[in-house]
Amino acid sequence: MGRNFSSRLWVWLAVAGLLSLHAGCGNLFVPKHKVSVDAICAAGVAKPAGQSFRLVARKSILAQGQVNVGVISACVGAALAHVGMFEAPAIAPPDIIIEVNCGQEAGSRIDPGSRETYLELSARPNSARAMESSREPEIWNVRVAVQGLVGRVETAMPLLAAVASSYSAMDTRFSTMIEVPQNNASIAAVREAAMKTLDATAGPVGVGTTQPSPVSK
């Protein structure tokens, strides 16, 4: 229960974390977050609404050892559900397998506003009906990021997951900057759904409820 409470706490702390962002949203009087979005999609791929998914963590996340994968999983899963997808049951193969990567890129110690916090989702089809991994070609990828986060990666996850899911199976052609209102309903919905997921989970939540092996690069 202690670990589950800790995971839930990180989602609550997302409120404070998002308000501490620099680069256009550290000031409470500025009502929008600035988020960079870079999305690519294979030709002819339809929006994934109605498809089942399974999340797997990139090895780099597990190697960090400091990222709470329970919070990452809960936020990403909630965001994908918000756009019409659903997590495959543990005993069933998913339609697509989504590799999750996140972290912070080092920035100047003098200027914390240069630090980038990112989330990347990479989707592969699962026509072989595997349970945990797919070697099929990537069909869509989306990378979203904010600058100036003061604190842990997890605090930005409701925002980043909400934006990333909304750009799934889209092609922005190049990296673009968007502005997201602080009171955006999707962010609030992802945060609340993630907390419910963490509350309902008896044990620690992981990326992949069946504890799959991470997809290798």
Protein backbone atom coordinates (compact mmCIF):
# COMPACT_ATOMS: atom_id res chain seq x y z
CA MET A 1 0.00 0.00 0.00
CA GLY A 2 2.91 2.32 0.70
CA ARG A 3 4.18 2.12 -2.88
CA ASN A 4 0.70 2.58 -4.31
CA PHE A 5 0.16 5.68 -2.18
CA SER A 6 3.52 6.99 -3.36
CA SER A 7 2.51 6.46 -7.00
CA ARG A 8 -0.80 8.23 -6.46
CA LEU A 9 1.03 11.08 -4.76
CA TRP A 10 3.09 11.73 -7.87
CA VAL A 11 -0.10 12.23 -9.87
CA TRP A 12 -1.35 14.72 -7.30
CA LEU A 13 2.01 16.48 -7.45
CA ALA A 14 1.51 16.93 -11.18
CA VAL A 15 -0.60 19.97 -10.32
CA ALA A 16 2.31 21.64 -8.57
CA GLY A 17 4.79 20.36 -11.11
CA LEU A 18 2.97 21.79 -14.09
CA LEU A 19 2.61 25.15 -12.41
CA SER A 20 6.37 25.22 -11.87
CA LEU A 21 7.17 24.99 -15.58
CA HIS A 22 9.18 27.83 -17.03
CA ALA A 23 9.28 28.65 -20.75
CA GLY A 24 5.93 30.34 -20.89
CA CYS A 25 3.96 28.69 -18.12
CA GLY A 26 5.83 29.25 -14.88
CA ASN A 27 3.88 32.45 -14.32
CA LEU A 28 0.43 31.72 -12.92
CA PHE A 29 -0.98 34.56 -15.00
CA VAL A 30 0.05 32.79 -18.21
CA PRO A 31 -2.82 30.37 -18.89
CA LYS A 32 -1.10 28.01 -21.33
CA HIS A 33 1.63 25.38 -21.39
CA LYS A 34 3.98 25.30 -24.38
CA VAL A 35 4.47 21.76 -25.64
CA SER A 36 6.63 20.65 -28.57
CA VAL A 37 5.09 17.88 -30.66
CA ASP A 38 6.80 15.71 -33.27
CA ALA A 39 4.56 12.99 -34.69
CA ILE A 40 5.02 10.64 -37.64
CA CYS A 41 2.70 8.00 -39.07
CA ALA A 42 2.92 5.40 -41.80
CA ALA A 43 0.74 5.98 -44.83
CA GLY A 44 -2.80 4.67 -44.63
CA VAL A 45 -2.82 4.06 -40.88
CA ALA A 46 -6.19 4.92 -39.34
CA LYS A 47 -6.74 6.55 -35.97
CA PRO A 48 -6.37 3.90 -33.26
CA ALA A 49 -9.74 4.44 -31.57
CA GLY A 50 -11.29 1.08 -30.74
CA GLN A 51 -7.98 -0.78 -30.74
CA SER A 52 -6.54 -2.61 -27.76
CA PHE A 53 -3.01 -1.87 -26.61
CA ARG A 54 -0.30 -3.09 -24.30
CA LEU A 55 2.42 -0.81 -22.93
CA VAL A 56 6.05 -1.88 -22.69
CA ALA A 57 8.89 0.17 -21.27
CA ARG A 58 11.98 0.99 -23.25
CA LYS A 59 15.07 -0.39 -21.55
CA SER A 60 16.38 3.10 -20.92
CA ILE A 61 13.46 3.78 -18.54
CA LEU A 62 14.12 0.67 -16.50
CA ALA A 63 17.84 1.43 -16.45
CA GLN A 64 17.21 4.84 -14.90
CA GLY A 65 15.77 3.25 -11.77
CA GLN A 66 14.44 6.60 -10.58
CA VAL A 67 11.32 6.91 -12.74
CA ASN A 68 8.10 5.61 -11.21
CA VAL A 69 6.85 3.42 -14.06
CA GLY A 70 3.55 2.97 -12.22
CA VAL A 71 2.70 6.63 -12.65
CA ILE A 72 3.93 6.66 -16.26
CA SER A 73 1.83 3.60 -17.09
CA ALA A 74 -1.28 4.93 -15.36
CA CYS A 75 -1.09 8.31 -17.11
CA VAL A 76 -0.34 6.93 -20.57
CA GLY A 77 -3.02 4.27 -20.25
CA ALA A 78 -5.57 6.83 -19.11
CA ALA A 79 -4.67 9.15 -21.98
CA LEU A 80 -4.99 6.41 -24.60
CA ALA A 81 -8.34 5.39 -23.13
CA HIS A 82 -9.43 9.02 -23.35
CA VAL A 83 -8.99 8.90 -27.15
CA GLY A 84 -10.95 5.66 -27.49
CA MET A 85 -8.41 2.88 -27.05
CA PHE A 86 -8.45 0.24 -24.33
CA GLU A 87 -5.84 -1.82 -22.53
CA ALA A 88 -5.87 -5.47 -23.55
CA PRO A 89 -6.66 -7.95 -20.75
CA ALA A 90 -3.62 -9.73 -19.38
CA ILE A 91 -4.70 -13.02 -20.97
CA ALA A 92 -5.39 -11.56 -24.43
CA PRO A 93 -3.00 -10.35 -27.15
CA PRO A 94 -3.36 -6.64 -27.98
CA ASP A 95 -4.01 -5.11 -31.39
CA ILE A 96 -0.96 -2.88 -31.05
CA ILE A 97 2.03 -2.78 -28.74
CA ILE A 98 3.19 0.65 -27.62
CA GLU A 99 6.71 1.21 -26.41
CA VAL A 100 7.01 4.01 -23.85
CA ASN A 101 10.06 6.18 -23.37
CA CYS A 102 10.41 9.23 -21.15
CA GLY A 103 12.99 11.24 -19.28
CA GLN A 104 14.75 14.56 -18.94
CA GLU A 105 17.52 15.88 -21.11
CA ALA A 106 20.27 17.69 -19.30
CA GLY A 107 20.15 21.45 -19.46
CA SER A 108 22.15 24.29 -18.08
CA ARG A 109 22.39 24.28 -14.29
CA ILE A 110 22.19 28.05 -14.39
CA ASP A 111 19.08 28.13 -16.55
CA PRO A 112 16.60 25.41 -15.52
CA GLY A 113 14.31 26.64 -18.30
CA SER A 114 16.55 24.83 -20.79
CA ARG A 115 15.82 21.40 -19.30
CA GLU A 116 13.53 19.31 -21.50
CA THR A 117 11.15 16.69 -20.12
CA TYR A 118 9.77 14.36 -22.77
CA LEU A 119 7.47 11.43 -23.45
CA GLU A 120 7.68 9.24 -26.54
CA LEU A 121 5.19 6.60 -27.69
CA SER A 122 6.07 4.15 -30.48
CA ALA A 123 3.35 1.86 -31.84
CA ARG A 124 3.76 -1.42 -33.69
CA PRO A 125 0.97 -3.68 -35.01
CA ASN A 126 0.57 -7.14 -33.52
CA SER A 127 -0.76 -9.25 -36.36
CA ALA A 128 1.16 -12.24 -34.97
CA ARG A 129 -1.01 -11.96 -31.84
CA ALA A 130 1.97 -11.99 -29.49
CA MET A 131 1.38 -11.22 -25.84
CA GLU A 132 4.22 -8.88 -25.03
CA SER A 133 6.28 -7.68 -27.99
CA SER A 134 6.21 -7.08 -31.72
CA ARG A 135 8.96 -7.03 -34.32
CA GLU A 136 6.72 -5.53 -36.98
CA PRO A 137 7.56 -2.11 -38.43
CA GLU A 138 6.60 0.95 -36.45
CA ILE A 139 3.32 2.45 -37.67
CA TRP A 140 3.29 5.65 -35.66
CA ASN A 141 5.47 7.55 -33.25
CA VAL A 142 4.86 10.69 -31.25
CA ARG A 143 7.29 12.62 -29.07
CA VAL A 144 6.12 15.49 -26.88
CA ALA A 145 8.17 17.67 -24.56
CA VAL A 146 8.09 20.67 -22.26
CA GLN A 147 10.93 22.80 -21.03
CA GLY A 148 11.63 24.17 -17.59
CA LEU A 149 10.15 21.45 -15.38
CA VAL A 150 11.35 21.84 -11.81
CA GLY A 151 11.06 18.43 -10.24
CA ARG A 152 10.58 14.84 -11.35
CA VAL A 153 9.52 13.54 -14.73
CA GLU A 154 6.29 12.09 -13.33
CA THR A 155 4.84 15.51 -12.54
CA ALA A 156 4.54 16.34 -16.24
CA MET A 157 2.93 13.03 -17.25
CA PRO A 158 -0.77 14.04 -17.22
CA LEU A 159 0.04 16.90 -19.61
CA LEU A 160 2.47 14.99 -21.83
CA ALA A 161 0.35 11.84 -22.00
CA ALA A 162 -2.78 13.82 -22.88
CA VAL A 163 -1.02 15.64 -25.71
CA ALA A 164 0.80 12.54 -27.01
CA SER A 165 -2.38 10.47 -27.19
CA SER A 166 -4.21 13.20 -29.11
CA TYR A 167 -1.48 13.09 -31.78
CA SER A 168 -1.38 9.29 -32.09
CA ALA A 169 -1.43 8.11 -35.73
CA MET A 170 -0.91 11.68 -36.96
CA ASP A 171 1.91 13.26 -38.97
CA THR A 172 2.99 16.77 -38.02
CA ARG A 173 5.70 16.64 -40.76
CA PHE A 174 8.06 18.52 -38.48
CA SER A 175 8.38 19.41 -34.83
CA THR A 176 5.87 22.05 -33.87
CA MET A 177 5.04 24.03 -30.75
CA ILE A 178 1.48 24.07 -29.44
CA GLU A 179 -0.13 25.86 -26.52
CA VAL A 180 -2.33 23.92 -24.11
CA PRO A 181 -4.56 25.73 -21.59
CA GLN A 182 -3.74 24.93 -18.00
CA ASN A 183 -7.39 24.05 -17.38
CA ASN A 184 -7.55 21.70 -20.38
CA ALA A 185 -10.23 19.08 -19.75
CA SER A 186 -8.16 16.25 -21.21
CA ILE A 187 -5.33 16.82 -18.73
CA ALA A 188 -7.76 16.80 -15.82
CA ALA A 189 -9.44 13.63 -17.14
CA VAL A 190 -6.09 11.84 -17.51
CA ARG A 191 -5.01 12.85 -14.02
CA GLU A 192 -8.26 11.68 -12.41
CA ALA A 193 -8.33 8.39 -14.34
CA ALA A 194 -4.69 7.70 -13.47
CA MET A 195 -5.40 8.20 -9.77
CA LYS A 196 -8.35 5.81 -9.98
CA THR A 197 -6.14 3.22 -11.65
CA LEU A 198 -3.51 3.53 -8.94
CA ASP A 199 -6.16 3.35 -6.22
CA ALA A 200 -7.64 0.19 -7.74
CA THR A 201 -4.30 -1.57 -8.07
CA ALA A 202 -3.42 -3.67 -5.07
CA GLY A 203 0.25 -4.02 -6.00
CA PRO A 204 2.73 -1.72 -7.72
CA VAL A 205 1.66 -0.66 -11.20
CA GLY A 206 4.11 -1.27 -14.03
CA VAL A 207 4.35 -0.57 -17.72
CA GLY A 208 2.69 -3.74 -18.91
CA THR A 209 0.52 -5.31 -16.23
CA THR A 210 1.87 -8.73 -17.16
CA GLN A 211 5.42 -7.46 -16.60
CA PRO A 212 6.49 -7.94 -20.23
CA SER A 213 10.09 -7.78 -21.33
CA PRO A 214 10.87 -4.34 -22.77
CA VAL A 215 11.01 -4.08 -26.54
CA SER A 216 14.64 -4.03 -27.55
CA LYS A 217 16.01 -1.41 -29.89
